[in-house]
N, C-alpha and C. Protein backbone atom coordinates (compact mmCIF):
# COMPACT_ATOMS: atom_id res chain seq x y z
N MET A 1 -13.18 -5.57 9.51
CA MET A 1 -13.24 -4.72 10.82
C MET A 1 -13.78 -5.69 11.76
N SER A 2 -13.29 -5.48 12.98
CA SER A 2 -13.44 -6.27 14.05
C SER A 2 -14.77 -5.92 14.74
N GLU A 3 -15.34 -6.80 15.70
CA GLU A 3 -16.53 -6.45 16.41
C GLU A 3 -16.36 -5.28 17.15
N THR A 4 -15.57 -4.63 17.37
CA THR A 4 -15.31 -3.40 18.17
C THR A 4 -15.35 -2.16 17.17
N GLY A 5 -15.16 -2.60 15.85
CA GLY A 5 -15.16 -1.37 15.01
C GLY A 5 -13.93 -0.93 14.26
N LYS A 6 -12.79 -1.65 15.03
CA LYS A 6 -11.63 -1.11 14.42
C LYS A 6 -10.87 -1.98 13.39
N ALA A 7 -10.21 -1.25 12.46
CA ALA A 7 -9.63 -1.94 11.36
C ALA A 7 -8.66 -3.12 11.68
N VAL A 8 -8.81 -4.21 10.91
CA VAL A 8 -7.93 -5.41 11.17
C VAL A 8 -7.22 -5.69 9.92
N LEU A 9 -5.88 -5.78 10.09
CA LEU A 9 -4.98 -6.36 8.86
C LEU A 9 -5.02 -5.01 7.82
N VAL A 10 -4.85 -3.89 8.31
CA VAL A 10 -4.84 -2.65 7.58
C VAL A 10 -3.92 -2.85 6.27
N LYS A 11 -2.73 -3.61 6.52
CA LYS A 11 -1.61 -3.79 5.37
C LYS A 11 -2.38 -4.62 4.35
N GLU A 12 -3.45 -5.37 4.45
CA GLU A 12 -3.89 -6.19 3.61
C GLU A 12 -5.06 -5.73 2.93
N GLY A 13 -5.56 -4.25 3.33
CA GLY A 13 -6.70 -3.70 2.83
C GLY A 13 -6.49 -3.27 1.31
N ILE A 14 -7.77 -2.76 0.78
CA ILE A 14 -7.70 -2.45 -0.70
C ILE A 14 -8.22 -1.12 -0.49
N THR A 15 -8.20 -0.24 -1.48
CA THR A 15 -8.64 1.02 -1.85
C THR A 15 -10.13 1.08 -2.02
N PRO A 16 -11.08 2.01 -1.83
CA PRO A 16 -12.49 2.02 -2.12
C PRO A 16 -12.46 1.84 -3.68
N LEU A 17 -11.65 2.46 -4.35
CA LEU A 17 -11.67 2.34 -5.90
C LEU A 17 -11.59 0.78 -6.42
N ASP A 18 -10.56 0.29 -5.59
CA ASP A 18 -10.22 -1.33 -6.02
C ASP A 18 -11.62 -2.11 -5.46
N ALA A 19 -12.17 -1.87 -4.47
CA ALA A 19 -13.26 -2.70 -4.13
C ALA A 19 -14.36 -2.52 -5.11
N LEU A 20 -14.68 -1.09 -5.73
CA LEU A 20 -15.64 -0.86 -6.51
C LEU A 20 -15.41 -1.69 -7.84
N ARG A 21 -14.17 -1.75 -8.35
CA ARG A 21 -13.74 -2.42 -9.49
C ARG A 21 -14.02 -3.93 -9.45
N MET A 22 -13.57 -4.48 -8.35
CA MET A 22 -13.80 -5.85 -8.03
C MET A 22 -15.16 -6.41 -8.11
N TYR A 23 -16.20 -5.35 -7.76
CA TYR A 23 -17.68 -5.76 -7.79
C TYR A 23 -18.15 -5.32 -9.10
N THR A 24 -17.70 -4.56 -10.04
CA THR A 24 -17.98 -4.13 -11.28
C THR A 24 -17.44 -4.52 -12.43
N ASP A 25 -16.23 -3.95 -12.78
CA ASP A 25 -15.31 -4.20 -13.99
C ASP A 25 -14.71 -5.71 -14.21
N TYR A 26 -14.03 -5.94 -12.80
CA TYR A 26 -13.27 -7.18 -12.75
C TYR A 26 -14.26 -8.37 -12.66
N ALA A 27 -15.45 -8.10 -12.28
CA ALA A 27 -16.46 -9.35 -12.27
C ALA A 27 -17.05 -9.63 -13.55
N ALA A 28 -17.30 -8.53 -14.33
CA ALA A 28 -17.63 -8.64 -15.79
C ALA A 28 -16.60 -9.29 -16.61
N ARG A 29 -15.25 -9.09 -16.38
CA ARG A 29 -14.21 -9.71 -17.20
C ARG A 29 -14.17 -10.98 -16.96
N THR A 30 -14.51 -11.51 -15.68
CA THR A 30 -14.35 -13.09 -15.46
C THR A 30 -15.26 -13.79 -16.08
N THR A 31 -16.28 -13.18 -16.59
CA THR A 31 -17.54 -13.81 -17.13
C THR A 31 -17.53 -13.27 -18.78
N PHE A 32 -16.24 -12.85 -19.14
CA PHE A 32 -16.36 -12.29 -20.66
C PHE A 32 -17.34 -11.58 -21.08
N GLU A 33 -17.91 -10.69 -20.16
CA GLU A 33 -19.22 -9.75 -20.57
C GLU A 33 -18.67 -8.26 -20.16
N GLU A 34 -17.58 -7.89 -20.38
CA GLU A 34 -17.11 -6.56 -20.16
C GLU A 34 -17.62 -5.45 -21.09
N LYS A 35 -18.06 -6.04 -22.32
CA LYS A 35 -18.52 -5.20 -23.28
C LYS A 35 -19.95 -4.69 -22.96
N VAL A 36 -20.56 -5.58 -22.22
CA VAL A 36 -22.07 -5.33 -21.89
C VAL A 36 -22.53 -4.85 -20.42
N LYS A 37 -21.46 -5.02 -19.62
CA LYS A 37 -21.52 -4.76 -18.17
C LYS A 37 -20.46 -4.66 -17.40
N GLY A 38 -20.54 -4.14 -16.31
CA GLY A 38 -19.31 -4.00 -15.58
C GLY A 38 -18.72 -2.78 -15.31
N SER A 39 -19.05 -1.65 -16.09
CA SER A 39 -18.31 -0.40 -15.88
C SER A 39 -19.53 0.67 -15.44
N ILE A 40 -19.28 1.62 -14.61
CA ILE A 40 -20.21 2.69 -14.29
C ILE A 40 -19.65 3.74 -15.00
N THR A 41 -20.36 4.13 -16.05
CA THR A 41 -20.15 5.58 -16.90
C THR A 41 -21.15 6.18 -17.20
N PRO A 42 -20.85 7.26 -17.56
CA PRO A 42 -22.13 8.16 -18.07
C PRO A 42 -22.75 7.65 -19.34
N GLY A 43 -23.94 7.73 -19.54
CA GLY A 43 -24.62 7.48 -20.90
C GLY A 43 -24.99 6.03 -20.90
């Protein structure tokens, strides 16, 4: 987002789902902790 609130480089953007995965599942995989953290699931 720019200072005016308009989207910048829309072609380079990511989906909300990809953003969520980057901060959860993919982050856990980079530290080899995917079995104990990283997913948002019921239970």
